[in-house]
Amino acid sequence: MTKGYWVSVYPAISDPERLTAYNELAGPAVRAGGGRLLSRGGRVVAHEAGITQRVVLIEFDSFEQAVAAYESEAYQKALVALPDGFERDFRIIEAID
């Protein structure tokens, strides 16, 4: 079984306080779905395009578990707290075996 990952990149954060509200709901939903936070907005050294954006990386024991956690009722409620004005590029990816 290959691991699954959530990868989120935030090109624009217009209201950091509203992101805190999302995080308060999303954190428990992610943990309940088996996710482990590996990185959240730490230091970035940008190459190629040179864009240093907030990056969040979450690991799950399987790709299927990552998809199920995103589709869960608890996480869908957290998404409602992610306000307009935020740009987010979100992916669920499967690890190499």
PDB file of N, CA and C in Angstrom:
ATOM      1  N   MET A   1       0.852  -1.170   0.000  1.00  0.00           N
ATOM      2  CA  MET A   1       0.000   0.000   0.000  1.00  0.00           C
ATOM      3  C   MET A   1       0.905   1.243   0.000  1.00  0.00           C
ATOM      4  N   THR A   2       0.662   2.138  -0.940  1.00  0.00           N
ATOM      5  CA  THR A   2       1.479   3.348  -1.026  1.00  0.00           C
ATOM      6  C   THR A   2       0.853   4.484  -0.226  1.00  0.00           C
ATOM      7  N   LYS A   3       1.710   5.317   0.313  1.00  0.00           N
ATOM      8  CA  LYS A   3       1.237   6.451   1.102  1.00  0.00           C
ATOM      9  C   LYS A   3       0.582   7.482   0.203  1.00  0.00           C
ATOM     10  N   GLY A   4      -0.243   8.305   0.830  1.00  0.00           N
ATOM     11  CA  GLY A   4      -0.872   9.424   0.140  1.00  0.00           C
ATOM     12  C   GLY A   4      -0.490  10.712   0.837  1.00  0.00           C
ATOM     13  N   TYR A   5      -0.479  11.789   0.078  1.00  0.00           N
ATOM     14  CA  TYR A   5      -0.101  13.085   0.618  1.00  0.00           C
ATOM     15  C   TYR A   5      -1.067  14.158   0.153  1.00  0.00           C
ATOM     16  N   TRP A   6      -1.337  15.078   1.061  1.00  0.00           N
ATOM     17  CA  TRP A   6      -2.011  16.321   0.682  1.00  0.00           C
ATOM     18  C   TRP A   6      -0.899  17.351   0.517  1.00  0.00           C
ATOM     19  N   VAL A   7      -0.935  18.063  -0.595  1.00  0.00           N
ATOM     20  CA  VAL A   7       0.005  19.144  -0.837  1.00  0.00           C
ATOM     21  C   VAL A   7      -0.817  20.390  -1.134  1.00  0.00           C
ATOM     22  N   SER A   8      -0.665  21.398  -0.307  1.00  0.00           N
ATOM     23  CA  SER A   8      -1.380  22.665  -0.488  1.00  0.00           C
ATOM     24  C   SER A   8      -0.365  23.792  -0.618  1.00  0.00           C
ATOM     25  N   VAL A   9      -0.579  24.630  -1.616  1.00  0.00           N
ATOM     26  CA  VAL A   9       0.245  25.818  -1.799  1.00  0.00           C
ATOM     27  C   VAL A   9      -0.694  27.011  -1.796  1.00  0.00           C
ATOM     28  N   TYR A  10      -0.324  28.020  -1.033  1.00  0.00           N
ATOM     29  CA  TYR A  10      -1.149  29.224  -0.883  1.00  0.00           C
ATOM     30  C   TYR A  10      -0.457  30.410  -1.552  1.00  0.00           C
ATOM     31  N   PRO A  11      -0.783  30.729  -2.801  1.00  0.00           N
ATOM     32  CA  PRO A  11      -0.170  31.886  -3.454  1.00  0.00           C
ATOM     33  C   PRO A  11      -0.560  33.216  -2.809  1.00  0.00           C
ATOM     34  N   ALA A  12      -1.755  33.291  -2.217  1.00  0.00           N
ATOM     35  CA  ALA A  12      -2.201  34.546  -1.609  1.00  0.00           C
ATOM     36  C   ALA A  12      -3.003  34.264  -0.348  1.00  0.00           C
ATOM     37  N   ILE A  13      -2.650  34.949   0.720  1.00  0.00           N
ATOM     38  CA  ILE A  13      -3.390  34.854   1.979  1.00  0.00           C
ATOM     39  C   ILE A  13      -3.784  36.274   2.358  1.00  0.00           C
ATOM     40  N   SER A  14      -5.061  36.603   2.173  1.00  0.00           N
ATOM     41  CA  SER A  14      -5.505  37.976   2.395  1.00  0.00           C
ATOM     42  C   SER A  14      -5.860  38.266   3.854  1.00  0.00           C
ATOM     43  N   ASP A  15      -6.242  37.240   4.611  1.00  0.00           N
ATOM     44  CA  ASP A  15      -6.676  37.448   5.991  1.00  0.00           C
ATOM     45  C   ASP A  15      -6.177  36.283   6.839  1.00  0.00           C
ATOM     46  N   PRO A  16      -4.961  36.383   7.392  1.00  0.00           N
ATOM     47  CA  PRO A  16      -4.395  35.276   8.167  1.00  0.00           C
ATOM     48  C   PRO A  16      -5.255  34.821   9.344  1.00  0.00           C
ATOM     49  N   GLU A  17      -6.036  35.733   9.940  1.00  0.00           N
ATOM     50  CA  GLU A  17      -6.888  35.349  11.065  1.00  0.00           C
ATOM     51  C   GLU A  17      -7.968  34.365  10.632  1.00  0.00           C
ATOM     52  N   ARG A  18      -8.481  34.520   9.440  1.00  0.00           N
ATOM     53  CA  ARG A  18      -9.477  33.581   8.930  1.00  0.00           C
ATOM     54  C   ARG A  18      -8.841  32.223   8.651  1.00  0.00           C
ATOM     55  N   LEU A  19      -7.565  32.204   8.287  1.00  0.00           N
ATOM     56  CA  LEU A  19      -6.871  30.938   8.084  1.00  0.00           C
ATOM     57  C   LEU A  19      -6.760  30.187   9.406  1.00  0.00           C
ATOM     58  N   THR A  20      -6.616  30.912  10.498  1.00  0.00           N
ATOM     59  CA  THR A  20      -6.565  30.290  11.824  1.00  0.00           C
ATOM     60  C   THR A  20      -7.871  29.549  12.110  1.00  0.00           C
ATOM     61  N   ALA A  21      -9.001  30.130  11.752  1.00  0.00           N
ATOM     62  CA  ALA A  21     -10.293  29.463  11.961  1.00  0.00           C
ATOM     63  C   ALA A  21     -10.360  28.162  11.165  1.00  0.00           C
ATOM     64  N   TYR A  22      -9.880  28.194   9.939  1.00  0.00           N
ATOM     65  CA  TYR A  22      -9.832  26.972   9.123  1.00  0.00           C
ATOM     66  C   TYR A  22      -8.936  25.925   9.787  1.00  0.00           C
ATOM     67  N   ASN A  23      -7.736  26.349  10.230  1.00  0.00           N
ATOM     68  CA  ASN A  23      -6.790  25.418  10.851  1.00  0.00           C
ATOM     69  C   ASN A  23      -7.365  24.754  12.093  1.00  0.00           C
ATOM     70  N   GLU A  24      -8.144  25.510  12.875  1.00  0.00           N
ATOM     71  CA  GLU A  24      -8.735  24.944  14.100  1.00  0.00           C
ATOM     72  C   GLU A  24      -9.730  23.825  13.783  1.00  0.00           C
ATOM     73  N   LEU A  25     -10.387  23.903  12.646  1.00  0.00           N
ATOM     74  CA  LEU A  25     -11.318  22.849  12.228  1.00  0.00           C
ATOM     75  C   LEU A  25     -10.610  21.754  11.441  1.00  0.00           C
ATOM     76  N   ALA A  26      -9.679  22.154  10.592  1.00  0.00           N
ATOM     77  CA  ALA A  26      -9.016  21.195   9.706  1.00  0.00           C
ATOM     78  C   ALA A  26      -8.077  20.262  10.467  1.00  0.00           C
ATOM     79  N   GLY A  27      -7.371  20.782  11.457  1.00  0.00           N
ATOM     80  CA  GLY A  27      -6.419  19.956  12.207  1.00  0.00           C
ATOM     81  C   GLY A  27      -7.051  18.700  12.788  1.00  0.00           C
ATOM     82  N   PRO A  28      -8.127  18.828  13.571  1.00  0.00           N
ATOM     83  CA  PRO A  28      -8.769  17.627  14.114  1.00  0.00           C
ATOM     84  C   PRO A  28      -9.339  16.710  13.022  1.00  0.00           C
ATOM     85  N   ALA A  29      -9.852  17.301  11.938  1.00  0.00           N
ATOM     86  CA  ALA A  29     -10.399  16.484  10.849  1.00  0.00           C
ATOM     87  C   ALA A  29      -9.294  15.675  10.178  1.00  0.00           C
ATOM     88  N   VAL A  30      -8.153  16.285   9.981  1.00  0.00           N
ATOM     89  CA  VAL A  30      -7.015  15.597   9.358  1.00  0.00           C
ATOM     90  C   VAL A  30      -6.524  14.473  10.266  1.00  0.00           C
ATOM     91  N   ARG A  31      -6.359  14.775  11.547  1.00  0.00           N
ATOM     92  CA  ARG A  31      -5.889  13.746  12.488  1.00  0.00           C
ATOM     93  C   ARG A  31      -6.877  12.596  12.583  1.00  0.00           C
ATOM     94  N   ALA A  32      -8.179  12.898  12.601  1.00  0.00           N
ATOM     95  CA  ALA A  32      -9.202  11.848  12.660  1.00  0.00           C
ATOM     96  C   ALA A  32      -9.153  10.969  11.413  1.00  0.00           C
ATOM     97  N   GLY A  33      -8.723  11.546  10.294  1.00  0.00           N
ATOM     98  CA  GLY A  33      -8.603  10.783   9.058  1.00  0.00           C
ATOM     99  C   GLY A  33      -7.277  10.066   8.913  1.00  0.00           C
ATOM    100  N   GLY A  34      -6.429  10.163   9.933  1.00  0.00           N
ATOM    101  CA  GLY A  34      -5.147   9.459   9.916  1.00  0.00           C
ATOM    102  C   GLY A  34      -3.995  10.280   9.365  1.00  0.00           C
ATOM    103  N   GLY A  35      -4.187  11.573   9.148  1.00  0.00           N
ATOM    104  CA  GLY A  35      -3.144  12.415   8.580  1.00  0.00           C
ATOM    105  C   GLY A  35      -2.139  12.890   9.612  1.00  0.00           C
ATOM    106  N   ARG A  36      -0.904  13.075   9.136  1.00  0.00           N
ATOM    107  CA  ARG A  36       0.183  13.583   9.971  1.00  0.00           C
ATOM    108  C   ARG A  36       0.783  14.809   9.277  1.00  0.00           C
ATOM    109  N   LEU A  37       0.773  15.926   9.973  1.00  0.00           N
ATOM    110  CA  LEU A  37       1.310  17.169   9.433  1.00  0.00           C
ATOM    111  C   LEU A  37       2.831  17.076   9.379  1.00  0.00           C
ATOM    112  N   LEU A  38       3.396  17.249   8.195  1.00  0.00           N
ATOM    113  CA  LEU A  38       4.850  17.194   8.023  1.00  0.00           C
ATOM    114  C   LEU A  38       5.458  18.577   7.876  1.00  0.00           C
ATOM    115  N   SER A  39       4.716  19.507   7.284  1.00  0.00           N
ATOM    116  CA  SER A  39       5.227  20.852   7.078  1.00  0.00           C
ATOM    117  C   SER A  39       4.053  21.816   6.953  1.00  0.00           C
ATOM    118  N   ARG A  40       4.201  22.995   7.561  1.00  0.00           N
ATOM    119  CA  ARG A  40       3.156  24.016   7.443  1.00  0.00           C
ATOM    120  C   ARG A  40       3.801  25.396   7.481  1.00  0.00           C
ATOM    121  N   GLY A  41       4.053  25.924   6.303  1.00  0.00           N
ATOM    122  CA  GLY A  41       4.511  27.305   6.207  1.00  0.00           C
ATOM    123  C   GLY A  41       5.885  27.574   6.765  1.00  0.00           C
ATOM    124  N   GLY A  42       6.749  26.572   6.810  1.00  0.00           N
ATOM    125  CA  GLY A  42       8.103  26.788   7.305  1.00  0.00           C
ATOM    126  C   GLY A  42       8.978  27.482   6.269  1.00  0.00           C
ATOM    127  N   ARG A  43      10.249  27.405   6.479  1.00  0.00           N
ATOM    128  CA  ARG A  43      11.196  28.063   5.579  1.00  0.00           C
ATOM    129  C   ARG A  43      11.160  27.420   4.194  1.00  0.00           C
ATOM    130  N   VAL A  44      11.339  28.253   3.184  1.00  0.00           N
ATOM    131  CA  VAL A  44      11.336  27.804   1.793  1.00  0.00           C
ATOM    132  C   VAL A  44      12.530  28.436   1.082  1.00  0.00           C
ATOM    133  N   VAL A  45      13.243  27.634   0.340  1.00  0.00           N
ATOM    134  CA  VAL A  45      14.255  28.137  -0.579  1.00  0.00           C
ATOM    135  C   VAL A  45      13.705  27.862  -1.962  1.00  0.00           C
ATOM    136  N   ALA A  46      13.417  28.909  -2.704  1.00  0.00           N
ATOM    137  CA  ALA A  46      12.778  28.761  -4.014  1.00  0.00           C
ATOM    138  C   ALA A  46      13.817  28.756  -5.128  1.00  0.00           C
ATOM    139  N   HIS A  47      13.617  27.859  -6.076  1.00  0.00           N
ATOM    140  CA  HIS A  47      14.444  27.781  -7.277  1.00  0.00           C
ATOM    141  C   HIS A  47      13.517  27.813  -8.484  1.00  0.00           C
ATOM    142  N   GLU A  48      14.086  27.809  -9.641  1.00  0.00           N
ATOM    143  CA  GLU A  48      13.358  27.818 -10.910  1.00  0.00           C
ATOM    144  C   GLU A  48      12.475  29.060 -11.009  1.00  0.00           C
ATOM    145  N   ALA A  49      11.173  28.968 -10.743  1.00  0.00           N
ATOM    146  CA  ALA A  49      10.283  30.132 -10.864  1.00  0.00           C
ATOM    147  C   ALA A  49      10.518  31.152  -9.747  1.00  0.00           C
ATOM    148  N   GLY A  50      11.178  30.730  -8.659  1.00  0.00           N
ATOM    149  CA  GLY A  50      11.532  31.666  -7.605  1.00  0.00           C
ATOM    150  C   GLY A  50      10.390  32.139  -6.737  1.00  0.00           C
ATOM    151  N   ILE A  51       9.367  31.320  -6.580  1.00  0.00           N
ATOM    152  CA  ILE A  51       8.190  31.715  -5.817  1.00  0.00           C
ATOM    153  C   ILE A  51       8.244  31.057  -4.436  1.00  0.00           C
ATOM    154  N   THR A  52       8.234  31.858  -3.385  1.00  0.00           N
ATOM    155  CA  THR A  52       8.236  31.325  -2.025  1.00  0.00           C
ATOM    156  C   THR A  52       6.843  31.490  -1.447  1.00  0.00           C
ATOM    157  N   GLN A  53       6.074  30.446  -1.534  1.00  0.00           N
ATOM    158  CA  GLN A  53       4.699  30.452  -1.057  1.00  0.00           C
ATOM    159  C   GLN A  53       4.579  29.530   0.149  1.00  0.00           C
ATOM    160  N   ARG A  54       3.523  29.763   0.927  1.00  0.00           N
ATOM    161  CA  ARG A  54       3.215  28.880   2.042  1.00  0.00           C
ATOM    162  C   ARG A  54       2.886  27.506   1.474  1.00  0.00           C
ATOM    163  N   VAL A  55       3.538  26.465   1.989  1.00  0.00           N
ATOM    164  CA  VAL A  55       3.304  25.088   1.552  1.00  0.00           C
ATOM    165  C   VAL A  55       2.946  24.248   2.768  1.00  0.00           C
ATOM    166  N   VAL A  56       1.901  23.437   2.620  1.00  0.00           N
ATOM    167  CA  VAL A  56       1.487  22.513   3.675  1.00  0.00           C
ATOM    168  C   VAL A  56       1.583  21.104   3.107  1.00  0.00           C
ATOM    169  N   LEU A  57       2.213  20.195   3.862  1.00  0.00           N
ATOM    170  CA  LEU A  57       2.374  18.809   3.439  1.00  0.00           C
ATOM    171  C   LEU A  57       1.860  17.896   4.553  1.00  0.00           C
ATOM    172  N   ILE A  58       0.907  17.026   4.200  1.00  0.00           N
ATOM    173  CA  ILE A  58       0.308  16.099   5.163  1.00  0.00           C
ATOM    174  C   ILE A  58       0.413  14.688   4.604  1.00  0.00           C
ATOM    175  N   GLU A  59       0.842  13.752   5.450  1.00  0.00           N
ATOM    176  CA  GLU A  59       1.051  12.358   5.046  1.00  0.00           C
ATOM    177  C   GLU A  59      -0.056  11.460   5.598  1.00  0.00           C
ATOM    178  N   PHE A  60      -0.492  10.513   4.773  1.00  0.00           N
ATOM    179  CA  PHE A  60      -1.461   9.485   5.163  1.00  0.00           C
ATOM    180  C   PHE A  60      -0.862   8.123   4.855  1.00  0.00           C
ATOM    181  N   ASP A  61      -1.341   7.101   5.532  1.00  0.00           N
ATOM    182  CA  ASP A  61      -0.815   5.754   5.318  1.00  0.00           C
ATOM    183  C   ASP A  61      -1.125   5.206   3.928  1.00  0.00           C
ATOM    184  N   SER A  62      -2.159   5.739   3.274  1.00  0.00           N
ATOM    185  CA  SER A  62      -2.486   5.292   1.923  1.00  0.00           C
ATOM    186  C   SER A  62      -3.122   6.438   1.141  1.00  0.00           C
ATOM    187  N   PHE A  63      -3.079   6.321  -0.168  1.00  0.00           N
ATOM    188  CA  PHE A  63      -3.724   7.290  -1.046  1.00  0.00           C
ATOM    189  C   PHE A  63      -5.227   7.315  -0.774  1.00  0.00           C
ATOM    190  N   GLU A  64      -5.810   6.130  -0.622  1.00  0.00           N
ATOM    191  CA  GLU A  64      -7.249   6.035  -0.369  1.00  0.00           C
ATOM    192  C   GLU A  64      -7.637   6.733   0.930  1.00  0.00           C
ATOM    193  N   GLN A  65      -6.802   6.604   1.946  1.00  0.00           N
ATOM    194  CA  GLN A  65      -7.056   7.269   3.224  1.00  0.00           C
ATOM    195  C   GLN A  65      -6.998   8.786   3.053  1.00  0.00           C
ATOM    196  N   ALA A  66      -6.079   9.267   2.227  1.00  0.00           N
ATOM    197  CA  ALA A  66      -5.966  10.705   1.979  1.00  0.00           C
ATOM    198  C   ALA A  66      -7.214  11.235   1.278  1.00  0.00           C
ATOM    199  N   VAL A  67      -7.718  10.492   0.308  1.00  0.00           N
ATOM    200  CA  VAL A  67      -8.930  10.900  -0.409  1.00  0.00           C
ATOM    201  C   VAL A  67     -10.130  10.879   0.541  1.00  0.00           C
ATOM    202  N   ALA A  68     -10.247   9.821   1.335  1.00  0.00           N
ATOM    203  CA  ALA A  68     -11.371   9.703   2.270  1.00  0.00           C
ATOM    204  C   ALA A  68     -11.353  10.829   3.303  1.00  0.00           C
ATOM    205  N   ALA A  69     -10.176  11.208   3.770  1.00  0.00           N
ATOM    206  CA  ALA A  69     -10.085  12.294   4.754  1.00  0.00           C
ATOM    207  C   ALA A  69     -10.553  13.609   4.143  1.00  0.00           C
ATOM    208  N   TYR A  70     -10.205  13.857   2.883  1.00  0.00           N
ATOM    209  CA  TYR A  70     -10.656  15.080   2.218  1.00  0.00           C
ATOM    210  C   TYR A  70     -12.170  15.086   2.064  1.00  0.00           C
ATOM    211  N   GLU A  71     -12.724  13.944   1.726  1.00  0.00           N
ATOM    212  CA  GLU A  71     -14.162  13.835   1.488  1.00  0.00           C
ATOM    213  C   GLU A  71     -14.986  13.719   2.768  1.00  0.00           C
ATOM    214  N   SER A  72     -14.329  13.612   3.926  1.00  0.00           N
ATOM    215  CA  SER A  72     -15.042  13.435   5.190  1.00  0.00           C
ATOM    216  C   SER A  72     -15.902  14.651   5.520  1.00  0.00           C
ATOM    217  N   GLU A  73     -16.936  14.407   6.274  1.00  0.00           N
ATOM    218  CA  GLU A  73     -17.831  15.486   6.695  1.00  0.00           C
ATOM    219  C   GLU A  73     -17.081  16.539   7.515  1.00  0.00           C
ATOM    220  N   ALA A  74     -16.203  16.079   8.394  1.00  0.00           N
ATOM    221  CA  ALA A  74     -15.460  17.011   9.255  1.00  0.00           C
ATOM    222  C   ALA A  74     -14.568  17.936   8.428  1.00  0.00           C
ATOM    223  N   TYR A  75     -13.891  17.404   7.418  1.00  0.00           N
ATOM    224  CA  TYR A  75     -13.024  18.266   6.618  1.00  0.00           C
ATOM    225  C   TYR A  75     -13.836  19.182   5.704  1.00  0.00           C
ATOM    226  N   GLN A  76     -14.946  18.695   5.214  1.00  0.00           N
ATOM    227  CA  GLN A  76     -15.796  19.552   4.382  1.00  0.00           C
ATOM    228  C   GLN A  76     -16.300  20.762   5.180  1.00  0.00           C
ATOM    229  N   LYS A  77     -16.570  20.560   6.481  1.00  0.00           N
ATOM    230  CA  LYS A  77     -16.952  21.685   7.335  1.00  0.00           C
ATOM    231  C   LYS A  77     -15.795  22.668   7.491  1.00  0.00           C
ATOM    232  N   ALA A  78     -14.574  22.144   7.562  1.00  0.00           N
ATOM    233  CA  ALA A  78     -13.402  23.020   7.668  1.00  0.00           C
ATOM    234  C   ALA A  78     -13.245  23.867   6.414  1.00  0.00           C
ATOM    235  N   LEU A  79     -13.525  23.295   5.262  1.00  0.00           N
ATOM    236  CA  LEU A  79     -13.388  24.035   4.008  1.00  0.00           C
ATOM    237  C   LEU A  79     -14.293  25.267   3.964  1.00  0.00           C
ATOM    238  N   VAL A  80     -15.433  25.178   4.624  1.00  0.00           N
ATOM    239  CA  VAL A  80     -16.351  26.321   4.666  1.00  0.00           C
ATOM    240  C   VAL A  80     -15.678  27.512   5.351  1.00  0.00           C
ATOM    241  N   ALA A  81     -14.770  27.256   6.288  1.00  0.00           N
ATOM    242  CA  ALA A  81     -14.081  28.322   7.018  1.00  0.00           C
ATOM    243  C   ALA A  81     -12.946  28.940   6.202  1.00  0.00           C
ATOM    244  N   LEU A  82     -12.605  28.342   5.066  1.00  0.00           N
ATOM    245  CA  LEU A  82     -11.569  28.913   4.203  1.00  0.00           C
ATOM    246  C   LEU A  82     -12.232  30.000   3.373  1.00  0.00           C
ATOM    247  N   PRO A  83     -11.983  31.252   3.700  1.00  0.00           N
ATOM    248  CA  PRO A  83     -12.769  32.350   3.123  1.00  0.00           C
ATOM    249  C   PRO A  83     -12.364  32.719   1.705  1.00  0.00           C
ATOM    250  N   ASP A  84     -13.201  33.543   1.104  1.00  0.00           N
ATOM    251  CA  ASP A  84     -12.856  34.147  -0.178  1.00  0.00           C
ATOM    252  C   ASP A  84     -11.602  34.989   0.024  1.00  0.00           C
ATOM    253  N   GLY A  85     -10.865  35.184  -1.027  1.00  0.00           N
ATOM    254  CA  GLY A  85      -9.644  35.970  -0.919  1.00  0.00           C
ATOM    255  C   GLY A  85      -8.410  35.116  -0.708  1.00  0.00           C
ATOM    256  N   PHE A  86      -8.601  33.832  -0.504  1.00  0.00           N
ATOM    257  CA  PHE A  86      -7.481  32.914  -0.381  1.00  0.00           C
ATOM    258  C   PHE A  86      -7.332  32.181  -1.698  1.00  0.00           C
ATOM    259  N   GLU A  87      -6.121  32.098  -2.156  1.00  0.00           N
ATOM    260  CA  GLU A  87      -5.830  31.249  -3.298  1.00  0.00           C
ATOM    261  C   GLU A  87      -5.131  30.025  -2.750  1.00  0.00           C
ATOM    262  N   ARG A  88      -5.589  28.863  -3.178  1.00  0.00           N
ATOM    263  CA  ARG A  88      -4.975  27.632  -2.700  1.00  0.00           C
ATOM    264  C   ARG A  88      -4.929  26.639  -3.842  1.00  0.00           C
ATOM    265  N   ASP A  89      -3.785  26.058  -4.057  1.00  0.00           N
ATOM    266  CA  ASP A  89      -3.610  24.993  -5.025  1.00  0.00           C
ATOM    267  C   ASP A  89      -3.448  23.712  -4.213  1.00  0.00           C
ATOM    268  N   PHE A  90      -4.431  22.829  -4.308  1.00  0.00           N
ATOM    269  CA  PHE A  90      -4.493  21.640  -3.448  1.00  0.00           C
ATOM    270  C   PHE A  90      -4.406  20.389  -4.306  1.00  0.00           C
ATOM    271  N   ARG A  91      -3.575  19.446  -3.876  1.00  0.00           N
ATOM    272  CA  ARG A  91      -3.429  18.167  -4.571  1.00  0.00           C
ATOM    273  C   ARG A  91      -3.446  17.025  -3.559  1.00  0.00           C
ATOM    274  N   ILE A  92      -3.981  15.893  -3.986  1.00  0.00           N
ATOM    275  CA  ILE A  92      -3.802  14.638  -3.261  1.00  0.00           C
ATOM    276  C   ILE A  92      -2.960  13.778  -4.195  1.00  0.00           C
ATOM    277  N   ILE A  93      -1.790  13.361  -3.704  1.00  0.00           N
ATOM    278  CA  ILE A  93      -0.880  12.610  -4.561  1.00  0.00           C
ATOM    279  C   ILE A  93      -0.561  11.261  -3.948  1.00  0.00           C
ATOM    280  N   GLU A  94      -0.225  10.325  -4.800  1.00  0.00           N
ATOM    281  CA  GLU A  94       0.177   8.984  -4.374  1.00  0.00           C
ATOM    282  C   GLU A  94       1.689   8.889  -4.397  1.00  0.00           C
ATOM    283  N   ALA A  95       2.261   8.337  -3.341  1.00  0.00           N
ATOM    284  CA  ALA A  95       3.703   8.175  -3.250  1.00  0.00           C
ATOM    285  C   ALA A  95       4.180   7.049  -4.180  1.00  0.00           C
ATOM    286  N   ILE A  96       5.434   7.063  -4.466  1.00  0.00           N
ATOM    287  CA  ILE A  96       6.041   5.964  -5.213  1.00  0.00           C
ATOM    288  C   ILE A  96       6.224   4.816  -4.236  1.00  0.00           C
ATOM    289  N   ASP A  97       5.886   3.642  -4.667  1.00  0.00           N
ATOM    290  CA  ASP A  97       5.966   2.455  -3.813  1.00  0.00           C
ATOM    291  C   ASP A  97       7.338   2.235  -3.259  1.00  0.00           C
TER     292      ASP A  97
END
